[in-house]
Protein backbone atom coordinates (compact mmCIF):
# COMPACT_ATOMS: atom_id res chain seq x y z
CA MET A 1 0.00 0.00 0.00
CA ASN A 2 1.42 3.38 -1.00
CA ILE A 3 1.03 6.66 0.88
CA ALA A 4 -1.96 7.85 -1.18
CA ASP A 5 -3.85 4.58 -0.60
CA ALA A 6 -2.99 4.65 3.10
CA ALA A 7 -4.37 8.18 3.43
CA VAL A 8 -7.69 7.10 1.92
CA ALA A 9 -7.78 4.08 4.23
CA TYR A 10 -7.19 6.28 7.29
CA ALA A 11 -9.99 8.62 6.22
CA LYS A 12 -12.36 5.64 6.01
CA ARG A 13 -11.47 4.80 9.63
CA GLY A 14 -12.61 8.28 10.68
CA TRP A 15 -9.08 9.69 11.05
CA LYS A 16 -8.05 12.86 9.26
CA PRO A 17 -4.92 12.31 7.09
CA VAL A 18 -2.39 15.15 6.82
CA PRO A 19 0.27 15.33 4.06
CA VAL A 20 3.80 15.59 5.51
CA HIS A 21 7.13 16.14 3.78
CA ARG A 22 9.05 12.93 3.14
CA LYS A 23 11.45 11.90 5.94
CA THR A 24 10.13 14.69 8.20
CA LYS A 25 7.28 15.42 10.59
CA LYS A 26 6.46 18.80 9.06
CA PRO A 27 3.05 19.19 7.35
CA VAL A 28 3.17 20.34 3.75
CA ASP A 29 0.83 23.32 4.05
CA LYS A 30 0.11 25.98 6.62
CA GLY A 31 -3.36 25.91 8.08
CA TRP A 32 -3.44 22.10 7.88
CA GLN A 33 -5.29 21.94 11.20
CA LYS A 34 -8.49 23.36 9.67
CA ARG A 35 -8.15 22.12 6.11
CA PRO A 36 -10.39 19.12 5.29
CA PHE A 37 -8.93 15.92 3.87
CA ASP A 38 -8.42 15.92 0.11
CA PRO A 39 -7.10 12.72 -1.55
CA ALA A 40 -5.56 14.89 -4.28
CA GLN A 41 -3.05 16.19 -1.71
CA PHE A 42 -1.31 12.81 -1.78
CA ASP A 43 0.62 11.52 -4.78
CA GLY A 44 1.90 7.95 -4.57
CA ASN A 45 4.89 7.75 -2.20
CA SER A 46 6.27 11.26 -2.69
CA LEU A 47 5.12 12.33 0.79
CA ASN A 48 4.67 11.00 4.29
CA VAL A 49 1.23 10.67 5.84
CA ALA A 50 0.27 11.82 9.32
CA VAL A 51 -3.02 11.69 11.22
CA GLN A 52 -4.42 14.72 13.00
CA LEU A 53 -5.30 13.92 16.61
CA GLY A 54 -8.15 15.05 18.83
CA GLU A 55 -11.76 15.82 18.05
CA VAL A 56 -11.36 15.82 14.25
CA SER A 57 -10.35 12.12 14.39
CA GLY A 58 -12.89 10.99 16.97
CA GLY A 59 -10.72 11.63 20.03
CA LEU A 60 -7.64 9.80 18.71
CA ALA A 61 -4.60 10.20 20.98
CA ASP A 62 -1.00 9.03 20.55
CA VAL A 63 1.34 7.97 23.36
CA ASP A 64 4.79 8.64 21.86
CA LEU A 65 7.45 6.71 23.79
CA ASP A 66 10.66 8.64 23.13
CA ALA A 67 12.89 6.95 25.72
CA LEU A 68 13.83 3.29 25.31
CA SER A 69 13.14 2.79 29.00
CA ALA A 70 9.58 4.05 28.45
CA ILE A 71 9.11 1.50 25.64
CA GLY A 72 10.33 -1.25 27.96
CA PHE A 73 8.07 -0.25 30.84
CA ALA A 74 5.00 0.49 28.68
CA PRO A 75 3.39 -3.00 29.02
CA GLU A 76 3.42 -2.52 32.81
CA PHE A 77 1.27 0.61 32.65
CA LEU A 78 -0.41 1.32 29.33
CA PRO A 79 -3.75 -0.36 28.57
CA ALA A 80 -3.62 -2.92 25.78
CA THR A 81 -4.58 -1.39 22.45
CA GLY A 82 -4.99 -2.71 18.93
CA ALA A 83 -3.12 0.14 17.25
CA VAL A 84 0.65 0.08 17.82
CA PHE A 85 3.44 1.12 15.43
CA GLY A 86 7.08 2.20 15.34
CA ARG A 87 10.26 1.66 13.37
CA ARG A 88 12.92 -1.03 13.47
CA SER A 89 15.18 0.73 16.00
CA LYS A 90 12.20 1.74 18.20
CA PRO A 91 9.39 -0.79 17.75
CA CYS A 92 6.10 -0.22 19.56
CA SER A 93 7.09 3.41 20.25
CA HIS A 94 3.64 4.75 19.32
CA GLN A 95 0.41 3.48 20.89
CA LEU A 96 -2.95 4.89 19.82
CA TYR A 97 -6.05 5.30 21.97
CA VAL A 98 -9.47 6.92 21.68
CA SER A 99 -9.97 9.29 24.59
CA ASP A 100 -11.95 12.33 25.72
CA LEU A 101 -8.82 14.07 27.02
CA TYR A 102 -8.93 16.62 24.18
CA LYS A 103 -12.11 18.05 25.77
CA THR A 104 -10.42 19.04 29.04
CA GLU A 105 -6.76 19.46 28.10
CA LYS A 106 -5.65 22.95 27.03
CA ARG A 107 -2.49 21.75 25.29
CA ALA A 108 -2.01 20.00 21.98
CA THR A 109 0.64 17.74 23.52
CA ILE A 110 1.73 16.89 27.05
CA GLN A 111 5.47 16.32 27.32
CA PHE A 112 7.13 14.57 30.24
CA LYS A 113 10.75 15.71 30.26
CA LYS A 114 13.64 15.15 32.59
CA PHE A 115 14.32 18.16 34.81
CA VAL A 116 17.65 18.63 36.61
CA ASN A 117 18.33 21.78 38.61
CA GLY A 118 15.31 23.40 37.00
CA GLN A 119 16.54 22.79 33.43
CA ALA A 120 14.45 20.78 30.96
CA GLY A 121 16.15 17.81 29.35
CA ALA A 122 15.17 15.00 27.00
CA VAL A 123 11.55 14.01 26.47
CA ILE A 124 10.70 10.65 28.02
CA VAL A 125 7.15 10.26 26.80
CA GLU A 126 4.79 12.60 24.97
CA LEU A 127 1.00 12.37 25.08
CA ARG A 128 -0.45 13.93 21.94
CA VAL A 129 -4.16 14.76 22.26
CA GLY A 130 -4.92 17.90 20.21
CA GLY A 131 -6.54 19.65 23.17
CA ASN A 132 -8.38 22.97 22.94
CA CYS A 133 -8.73 22.54 19.14
CA LYS A 134 -4.97 22.97 18.76
CA GLY A 135 -3.21 21.04 16.05
CA ALA A 136 -1.44 17.84 16.97
CA HIS A 137 -0.48 15.11 14.54
CA THR A 138 1.56 11.93 14.41
CA VAL A 139 3.33 10.39 11.40
CA VAL A 140 1.90 6.95 10.68
CA PRO A 141 2.74 3.94 8.46
CA PRO A 142 3.86 3.55 5.71
CA SER A 143 5.85 6.78 6.09
CA MET A 144 9.64 7.07 6.13
CA HIS A 145 11.35 8.30 9.31
CA GLN A 146 14.08 10.96 9.03
CA THR A 147 16.61 8.18 9.78
CA GLY A 148 15.53 6.40 6.60
CA GLU A 149 13.71 3.65 8.52
CA MET A 150 10.16 2.79 7.54
CA VAL A 151 7.34 3.41 10.03
CA GLU A 152 5.54 0.08 10.34
CA TRP A 153 2.52 -1.31 12.15
CA GLU A 154 3.06 -3.78 14.97
CA ARG A 155 -0.70 -4.16 15.45
CA ASP A 156 -3.06 -2.58 12.92
CA ASP A 157 -6.43 -2.86 14.62
CA GLU A 158 -8.78 -0.53 16.49
CA PRO A 159 -7.40 1.69 19.29
CA ALA A 160 -8.58 0.98 22.81
CA ARG A 161 -11.04 3.42 24.38
CA VAL A 162 -9.69 4.93 27.60
CA SER A 163 -11.01 7.86 29.63
CA GLY A 164 -8.83 10.95 29.50
CA GLU A 165 -8.33 10.92 33.24
CA GLU A 166 -7.12 7.33 33.22
CA LEU A 167 -4.88 7.79 30.15
CA LEU A 168 -3.12 10.77 31.70
CA ARG A 169 -2.69 8.89 34.98
CA VAL A 170 -1.03 5.81 33.45
CA VAL A 171 1.23 7.88 31.17
CA ARG A 172 2.37 9.90 34.18
CA LYS A 173 3.14 6.67 36.08
CA LEU A 174 5.10 5.38 33.08
CA ALA A 175 7.17 8.58 32.83
CA VAL A 176 7.91 8.61 36.57
CA THR A 177 9.00 4.97 36.46
CA SER A 178 11.34 5.69 33.54
CA VAL A 179 13.09 8.42 35.54
CA LEU A 180 13.24 6.44 38.77
CA SER A 181 14.74 3.43 37.00
CA GLU A 182 17.84 5.52 36.23
CA HIS A 183 18.34 6.56 39.85
CA TYR A 184 17.06 3.69 41.95
CA PRO A 185 19.78 2.59 44.40
CA GLY A 186 21.47 -0.77 44.21
CA GLN A 187 21.81 -3.53 46.77
CA GLY A 188 22.21 -2.28 50.33
CA SER A 189 20.29 0.98 50.11
CA ARG A 190 17.06 0.01 48.37
CA HIS A 191 15.10 0.53 51.57
CA GLU A 192 16.14 4.17 51.78
CA GLY A 193 15.43 4.65 48.09
CA ALA A 194 11.92 3.19 48.42
CA LEU A 195 11.21 5.49 51.38
CA VAL A 196 12.29 8.53 49.42
CA ILE A 197 10.19 7.55 46.39
CA GLY A 198 7.17 6.80 48.57
CA GLY A 199 7.47 10.11 50.40
CA VAL A 200 7.82 12.18 47.23
CA LEU A 201 4.89 10.49 45.47
CA ALA A 202 2.68 10.59 48.57
CA ARG A 203 3.35 14.30 48.90
CA ALA A 204 2.28 14.65 45.26
CA GLY A 205 -1.09 13.12 46.13
CA TRP A 206 -0.54 9.68 44.63
CA THR A 207 -2.58 6.78 45.97
CA ALA A 208 -0.93 3.94 47.85
CA ASP A 209 -1.73 1.54 44.98
CA ASP A 210 -0.05 3.75 42.38
CA ILE A 211 3.01 4.28 44.57
CA GLY A 212 3.29 0.55 45.25
CA HIS A 213 2.95 -0.25 41.56
CA VAL A 214 5.74 2.13 40.55
CA VAL A 215 8.10 1.00 43.32
CA VAL A 216 7.59 -2.68 42.45
CA VAL A 217 8.28 -2.10 38.73
CA VAL A 218 11.34 0.04 39.40
CA ALA A 219 12.70 -2.38 41.99
CA ARG A 220 12.34 -5.22 39.53
CA ALA A 221 14.61 -3.38 37.10
CA ALA A 222 16.96 -1.86 39.73
CA GLY A 223 20.73 -1.60 39.25
CA ASP A 224 23.55 -1.80 41.81
CA ASP A 225 24.64 1.85 42.15
CA GLU A 226 24.33 3.48 45.59
CA VAL A 227 22.61 6.71 44.60
CA SER A 228 19.85 7.38 47.14
CA ASP A 229 20.89 11.04 47.26
CA ARG A 230 20.25 11.34 43.50
CA VAL A 231 16.79 9.84 44.02
CA SER A 232 15.90 12.55 46.55
CA THR A 233 17.34 15.40 44.46
CA ALA A 234 17.15 14.76 40.71
CA VAL A 235 13.89 12.77 40.95
CA ALA A 236 12.18 15.18 43.34
CA ASP A 237 13.18 18.07 41.08
CA THR A 238 11.63 16.33 38.08
CA LEU A 239 8.39 15.48 39.89
CA LYS A 240 8.14 19.01 41.16
CA HIS A 241 7.64 20.22 37.58
CA TRP A 242 5.38 17.38 36.47
CA LEU A 243 3.10 17.12 39.48
CA LYS A 244 3.19 20.75 40.66
CA LEU A 245 4.56 19.47 43.93
CA ARG A 246 4.76 21.90 46.81
CA ASP A 247 8.20 22.34 48.36
CA LEU A 248 8.91 19.63 50.91
CA ARG A 249 8.65 21.96 53.89
CA ALA A 250 5.96 23.46 56.08
CA ASP A 251 3.96 26.03 54.09
CA LYS A 252 4.46 29.46 55.56
CA GLY A 253 1.31 31.07 56.90
CA VAL A 254 -0.82 27.96 56.34
CA GLY A 255 -2.22 25.91 59.22
CA LEU A 256 -1.73 22.18 59.61
CA GLU A 257 -5.42 21.50 58.98
CA ASP A 258 -5.32 23.30 55.63
CA ARG A 259 -2.13 21.53 54.50
CA VAL A 260 -3.50 18.12 55.40
CA ALA A 261 -6.86 18.92 53.77
CA LEU A 262 -5.03 19.75 50.53
CA ASP A 263 -3.14 16.47 50.79
CA PHE A 264 -6.40 14.63 51.45
CA ALA A 265 -8.01 16.09 48.32
CA ALA A 266 -4.96 15.31 46.17
CA GLN A 267 -4.78 11.73 47.44
CA HIS A 268 -8.50 11.00 47.09
CA ILE A 269 -9.37 12.98 43.97
CA ASP A 270 -10.25 9.73 42.17
CA ASP A 271 -12.15 8.09 45.02
CA PHE A 272 -14.23 10.68 46.90
CA ARG A 273 -16.87 13.29 46.13
CA TYR A 274 -18.91 15.32 48.60
CA ILE A 275 -22.44 16.65 47.98
CA ALA A 276 -22.94 19.63 50.28
CA LYS A 277 -26.71 19.93 49.83
CA THR A 278 -27.35 16.44 51.16
CA SER A 279 -24.23 16.22 53.36
CA GLN A 280 -23.32 12.99 51.61
CA TRP A 281 -19.88 11.52 50.88
CA MET A 282 -19.70 9.43 47.70
CA ARG A 283 -17.01 6.82 47.08
CA TRP A 284 -15.92 5.18 43.81
CA ARG A 285 -16.18 1.40 44.08
CA GLU A 286 -14.62 0.03 40.86
CA THR A 287 -17.84 0.10 38.76
CA ARG A 288 -19.94 2.92 40.23
CA TRP A 289 -20.16 5.62 42.87
CA GLN A 290 -21.87 4.67 46.13
CA PRO A 291 -22.87 6.61 49.24
CA GLU A 292 -20.19 6.27 51.91
CA ASP A 293 -21.96 5.85 55.24
CA THR A 294 -19.16 4.31 57.35
CA LEU A 295 -17.14 7.50 58.03
CA PHE A 296 -14.38 6.21 55.78
CA ALA A 297 -13.48 9.76 54.74
CA PHE A 298 -13.05 10.68 58.39
CA ASP A 299 -10.87 7.60 58.88
CA GLN A 300 -8.66 8.50 55.91
CA SER A 301 -8.37 12.03 57.25
CA ARG A 302 -7.22 10.62 60.58
CA VAL A 303 -4.48 8.61 58.84
CA LEU A 304 -3.06 11.78 57.28
CA CYS A 305 -3.42 13.74 60.51
CA ARG A 306 -1.58 11.03 62.41
CA ALA A 307 1.28 11.23 59.89
CA ALA A 308 1.31 15.01 60.30
CA GLY A 309 1.63 14.66 64.08
CA ASP A 310 -1.83 15.76 65.26
CA ALA A 311 -4.64 13.20 65.21
CA ARG A 312 -6.85 14.84 67.81
CA ALA A 313 -10.57 14.56 67.00
CA ARG A 314 -10.99 18.28 66.42
CA THR A 315 -8.05 18.34 64.00
CA VAL A 316 -9.36 15.35 62.06
CA ALA A 317 -12.83 16.90 61.93
CA ALA A 318 -11.39 20.21 60.73
CA VAL A 319 -9.42 18.50 57.96
CA THR A 320 -12.51 16.58 56.84
CA THR A 321 -14.59 19.76 56.82
CA LEU A 322 -12.01 21.70 54.80
CA ALA A 323 -11.57 18.85 52.31
CA ARG A 324 -15.31 18.78 51.60
CA SER A 325 -15.13 22.20 49.96
CA ASP A 326 -12.08 21.43 47.80
CA ARG A 327 -13.06 21.97 44.15
CA ARG A 328 -11.54 18.61 43.22
CA ILE A 329 -13.96 16.80 45.52
CA ALA A 330 -17.04 19.04 45.72
CA ALA A 331 -20.05 17.74 43.77
CA VAL A 332 -23.66 18.71 43.14
CA GLU A 333 -26.79 16.58 43.00
CA ASP A 334 -27.47 17.14 39.31
CA GLN A 335 -24.21 15.58 38.10
CA TRP A 336 -25.16 12.03 39.15
CA ASN A 337 -26.71 9.72 36.54
CA ALA A 338 -27.13 12.79 34.34
CA ASP A 339 -26.45 11.30 30.89
CA PRO A 340 -29.68 9.72 29.58
CA ASP A 341 -27.75 7.59 27.07
CA ILE A 342 -25.43 5.93 29.59
CA PHE A 343 -26.61 2.67 31.17
CA ASN A 344 -24.33 1.14 33.78
CA GLY A 345 -24.20 -2.66 33.66
CA LEU A 346 -22.76 -5.04 36.23
CA THR A 347 -19.24 -5.02 34.77
CA THR A 348 -19.47 -2.72 31.73
CA THR A 349 -21.06 0.61 30.85
CA ILE A 350 -23.20 0.87 27.73
CA ASP A 351 -23.16 4.03 25.64
CA LEU A 352 -26.57 3.75 23.99
CA ARG A 353 -25.77 6.47 21.45
CA VAL A 354 -23.31 4.21 19.64
CA ASP A 355 -24.23 0.79 21.09
CA LEU A 356 -20.78 0.47 22.68
CA ASP A 357 -19.71 -1.47 25.77
CA ARG A 358 -16.78 0.01 27.66
CA PRO A 359 -15.26 -0.15 31.14
CA PRO A 360 -17.03 1.91 33.83
CA ASP A 361 -15.75 5.48 34.02
CA ARG A 362 -15.70 7.68 37.13
CA LEU A 363 -16.59 10.68 34.99
CA ASP A 364 -19.97 9.14 34.07
CA TYR A 365 -20.91 9.67 37.74
CA CYS A 366 -23.18 6.62 37.77
CA THR A 367 -24.58 5.57 41.13
CA LYS A 368 -26.99 3.07 39.64
CA GLN A 369 -26.18 -0.35 38.20
CA SER A 370 -28.13 -3.13 36.57
CA ALA A 371 -27.90 -6.71 37.82
CA VAL A 372 -26.35 -8.08 34.62
CA SER A 373 -24.00 -7.19 31.80
CA PRO A 374 -25.18 -7.33 28.18
CA ALA A 375 -24.95 -10.63 26.37
CA PRO A 376 -23.34 -10.74 22.90
CA PRO A 377 -25.69 -9.60 20.12
CA GLY A 378 -27.88 -12.41 18.84
CA THR A 379 -27.75 -14.46 22.04
CA PRO A 380 -30.98 -16.54 22.12
CA CYS A 381 -33.40 -16.40 25.09
CA PRO A 382 -35.78 -19.30 24.39
CA LEU A 383 -37.37 -19.49 27.87
CA TRP A 384 -38.20 -15.78 27.87
CA MET A 385 -39.62 -15.85 24.34
CA LYS A 386 -41.68 -18.93 25.19
CA PHE A 387 -43.09 -17.12 28.22
CA LEU A 388 -44.01 -14.03 26.19
CA SER A 389 -45.66 -16.12 23.49
CA ARG A 390 -47.77 -17.91 26.11
CA VAL A 391 -48.95 -14.92 28.14
CA LEU A 392 -49.49 -12.67 25.11
CA ALA A 393 -51.25 -15.31 23.01
CA ASN A 394 -48.36 -15.31 20.51
CA ASP A 395 -49.20 -11.72 19.52
CA ARG A 396 -46.02 -10.82 17.62
CA PRO A 397 -46.74 -7.08 17.23
CA THR A 398 -47.26 -6.76 21.01
CA ILE A 399 -44.13 -8.78 21.80
CA THR A 400 -42.13 -6.61 19.40
CA TYR A 401 -43.60 -3.46 20.93
CA LEU A 402 -42.65 -4.53 24.47
CA GLN A 403 -39.11 -5.29 23.30
CA ARG A 404 -38.81 -1.77 21.86
CA TYR A 405 -40.42 -0.30 24.95
CA LEU A 406 -37.97 -1.98 27.32
CA GLY A 407 -35.07 -0.92 25.11
CA TYR A 408 -36.40 2.63 25.28
CA CYS A 409 -36.57 2.30 29.07
CA LEU A 410 -32.82 1.72 29.16
CA THR A 411 -32.44 5.38 28.26
CA GLY A 412 -33.40 8.37 30.36
CA HIS A 413 -35.39 9.97 27.54
CA VAL A 414 -39.13 10.64 27.93
CA HIS A 415 -40.06 12.26 24.64
CA GLU A 416 -42.51 9.42 23.90
CA HIS A 417 -44.66 10.31 26.99
CA VAL A 418 -45.86 6.76 27.62
CA LEU A 419 -47.59 4.91 30.46
CA VAL A 420 -47.93 1.22 29.56
CA LEU A 421 -50.78 -0.79 31.12
CA LEU A 422 -50.65 -4.57 31.45
CA PHE A 423 -54.13 -5.75 32.38
CA GLY A 424 -55.93 -9.04 32.72
CA THR A 425 -57.12 -11.58 35.28
CA GLY A 426 -54.83 -12.96 37.99
CA ALA A 427 -51.98 -15.48 37.50
CA ASN A 428 -51.51 -14.57 33.86
CA GLY A 429 -47.90 -13.39 33.80
CA LYS A 430 -48.08 -9.66 34.55
CA THR A 431 -46.05 -9.88 37.77
CA THR A 432 -43.64 -12.44 36.31
CA PHE A 433 -42.95 -10.07 33.42
CA THR A 434 -42.30 -6.99 35.54
CA ASP A 435 -40.41 -8.85 38.28
CA THR A 436 -38.00 -10.26 35.69
CA VAL A 437 -37.49 -6.87 34.12
CA ALA A 438 -37.11 -5.20 37.53
CA ARG A 439 -34.43 -7.67 38.61
CA ILE A 440 -32.47 -6.96 35.43
CA PHE A 441 -32.83 -3.18 35.72
CA ASN A 442 -31.95 -3.41 39.43
CA ASP A 443 -31.16 0.14 40.65
CA TYR A 444 -32.76 1.70 37.58
CA VAL A 445 -36.30 0.57 38.52
CA VAL A 446 -38.58 1.93 41.24
CA THR A 447 -41.75 0.25 42.50
CA ALA A 448 -44.30 2.97 43.25
CA PRO A 449 -47.61 2.82 45.13
CA MET A 450 -50.55 2.69 42.75
CA GLU A 451 -52.20 5.54 44.68
CA MET A 452 -49.56 7.90 43.20
CA PHE A 453 -51.47 7.83 39.90
CA PHE A 454 -55.02 8.18 41.30
CA THR A 455 -57.08 11.14 42.38
CA ALA A 456 -57.08 11.67 46.14
CA LYS A 457 -58.93 13.89 48.58
CA PHE A 458 -55.69 15.05 50.20
CA ASP A 459 -52.24 15.81 48.78
CA ARG A 460 -49.73 13.01 49.05
CA HIS A 461 -46.24 13.50 50.53
CA PRO A 462 -43.67 14.66 47.91
CA THR A 463 -41.34 11.83 49.02
CA GLU A 464 -43.16 9.66 46.47
CA ILE A 465 -41.90 11.92 43.68
CA ALA A 466 -38.42 12.24 45.20
CA ARG A 467 -37.92 8.48 45.00
CA LEU A 468 -38.18 8.67 41.20
CA ARG A 469 -34.88 10.55 40.84
CA GLY A 470 -32.59 8.67 38.46
CA ALA A 471 -35.10 5.88 37.77
CA ARG A 472 -35.50 4.67 34.19
CA LEU A 473 -38.59 2.53 34.84
CA VAL A 474 -41.38 2.86 37.41
CA VAL A 475 -43.65 -0.12 38.12
CA ALA A 476 -46.93 -0.01 40.03
CA HIS A 477 -49.05 -3.04 40.93
CA GLU A 478 -52.77 -3.79 41.09
CA THR A 479 -55.44 -1.11 40.94
CA THR A 480 -58.61 -0.94 43.00
CA LYS A 481 -61.87 -1.18 41.09
CA GLY A 482 -63.67 2.12 40.65
CA ARG A 483 -60.68 4.41 41.26
CA ALA A 484 -60.12 7.32 38.85
CA TRP A 485 -56.79 8.33 37.36
CA ASP A 486 -55.27 11.67 38.30
CA GLU A 487 -54.94 12.78 34.70
CA ALA A 488 -52.81 15.84 35.45
CA LYS A 489 -50.29 13.85 37.46
CA VAL A 490 -50.10 11.07 34.85
CA LYS A 491 -49.34 13.63 32.16
CA THR A 492 -46.78 15.36 34.35
CA LEU A 493 -44.99 12.14 35.27
CA THR A 494 -44.80 10.92 31.68
CA GLY A 495 -44.33 14.29 30.00
CA GLY A 496 -40.72 15.11 30.90
CA ASP A 497 -41.67 18.10 33.07
CA ARG A 498 -39.50 19.23 35.98
CA LEU A 499 -41.10 18.24 39.28
CA SER A 500 -40.77 19.56 42.81
CA ALA A 501 -40.02 16.95 45.46
CA ARG A 502 -38.28 16.44 48.76
CA PHE A 503 -37.30 13.62 51.04
CA MET A 504 -38.54 13.42 54.62
CA ARG A 505 -37.33 16.45 56.59
CA GLY A 506 -35.40 17.65 53.54
CA ASP A 507 -35.56 20.74 51.36
CA PHE A 508 -37.50 20.79 48.13
CA PHE A 509 -35.55 20.23 44.93
CA ARG A 510 -36.38 20.07 41.24
CA LEU A 511 -35.96 16.93 39.19
CA GLN A 512 -36.64 15.90 35.62
CA SER A 513 -39.34 13.26 35.23
CA ASP A 514 -37.09 10.72 33.51
CA PRO A 515 -38.71 7.32 34.11
CA GLN A 516 -41.09 5.36 31.93
CA ALA A 517 -44.10 3.92 33.75
CA ALA A 518 -45.73 0.52 33.67
CA ASP A 519 -48.86 -0.51 35.56
CA LEU A 520 -50.21 -3.95 36.40
CA ARG A 521 -53.90 -4.17 37.12
CA GLN A 522 -56.89 -6.46 37.11
CA HIS A 523 -59.48 -3.68 36.89
CA GLN A 524 -59.91 -0.88 34.37
CA ALA A 525 -59.63 2.40 36.29
CA GLU A 526 -61.67 5.25 34.82
CA LEU A 527 -60.06 8.32 33.32
CA ALA A 528 -61.92 11.45 34.35
CA GLN A 529 -62.19 14.60 32.29
CA CYS A 530 -60.45 13.41 29.12
CA ARG A 531 -60.58 16.46 26.90
CA ARG A 532 -60.90 16.26 23.15
CA GLY A 533 -57.51 16.50 21.53
CA HIS A 534 -55.67 15.72 24.79
CA PRO A 535 -55.83 11.95 25.31
CA PRO A 536 -53.87 10.51 28.25
CA PRO A 537 -50.53 8.85 27.32
CA LEU A 538 -51.77 5.30 28.05
CA HIS A 539 -50.85 2.20 26.06
CA PRO A 540 -53.06 -0.71 27.27
CA TYR A 541 -51.94 -4.27 26.56
CA PRO A 542 -54.06 -7.29 27.61
CA VAL A 543 -52.28 -10.31 29.09
CA HIS A 544 -54.14 -13.53 28.33
CA GLY A 545 -51.91 -16.49 29.02
CA ASP A 546 -51.97 -18.78 32.01
CA ASP A 547 -48.82 -18.50 34.13
CA PRO A 548 -48.95 -20.72 37.23
CA GLY A 549 -45.98 -19.05 38.89
CA ARG A 550 -43.31 -20.54 36.63
């Protein structure tokens, strides 16, 4: 494949090709960042081809491993990806990912350089993301490097999808490890070296897991030189520039509580959030955020206070209070479960916009989780289909409708304004149907009292509405004969309007009426005051089949 053909192939993958002078990295034309791809720009093999990174190529990012040590340590830190290339003298020196880092990063590239005595040295690893709509590109196969070597694919498949936060974190760990490997002490003083490394990284706000990971990798590749003093000077100087480390001394004019609170926020930026309005700590637990009700934040504050020399209760409480307001940890109620097209499964998160499974991401701020993960497309479900055929009298249009309806319920959208009614005599499958669905939806379903939808003499407590926050499906069971629907409330609940609600002894708040509603009943409740041209959003479906509890 020549350069021109490769450029067309990259364009078909959704990447923007850029013509580059042969044996260089310099684009041919000025203004290449904003110029659309034109196949006529490429002529056989007279040029090199590069790919523009960032938003224009779907979030494509390139981890450029400049140092040989970084190439060697890369498998220890970088997520596996299907797109890896390099040249003969530096194989696997470029690893491609799809990331959202370009949305938050102000720079086109993030360079991790060696710093000694405040002076920048060689680049160890460069993360090219094209942030802030700035131009960033990387020369790709089958181009020719300035050394005359050909740029070749090691793995020519799809790049892995990694959150920007995670990609930056692992690249930083890789760069730090590359520097430490050059200065780690040899036999006889490794203990001192490990203490110095641990202290520097802890002061920078690294977690214990990340520090342990780096120390283990470096120790595994350690040499024999006794250079613990170089670890504490050259390494600390480098990290000071990378991690914006404060000087390793007491901050003048700043109290102990404030210093420790800053350290707390830096150390737990990935794991804790605090919602001031509800006085609730939230903790990341591998696949979702969960309320932290065991005073774990207070306990972690006490650990840092003890290390700082003052673990009195009032000091620990002061640190915890100060940390709650840190912008890195502070959160608001509306940011949780806010994306209507994100559905959090048991082990994977589904982006319903593009039908994509990916690892759970902290930045989705999901607190809810279904009880299962999606099966591969086309997986048969014979028992379920047999059940639906029996209880719905093999009515294919109705079965197809319910499949679409439940798929729609996975989202948080309510533009269809639907309340589905399943009605019929007892023991005919209504409860079996909704119980099965509810167990799959897990946290995304709420069972509501049927009285919520009926007219009543007195107003009901707004707690009923508050419980609907974040729900994708609301199920109510069994109506009473002769009761009349509260038409206004039904339309409000299914119409996507913002509702006022509050929990017991709490303040009122506004929430979007996100959930779909399904009702099981044996009796037909009457709709009062149905006005011409304004029918209620009800979809009744009779359930006929006999279901003896199977």
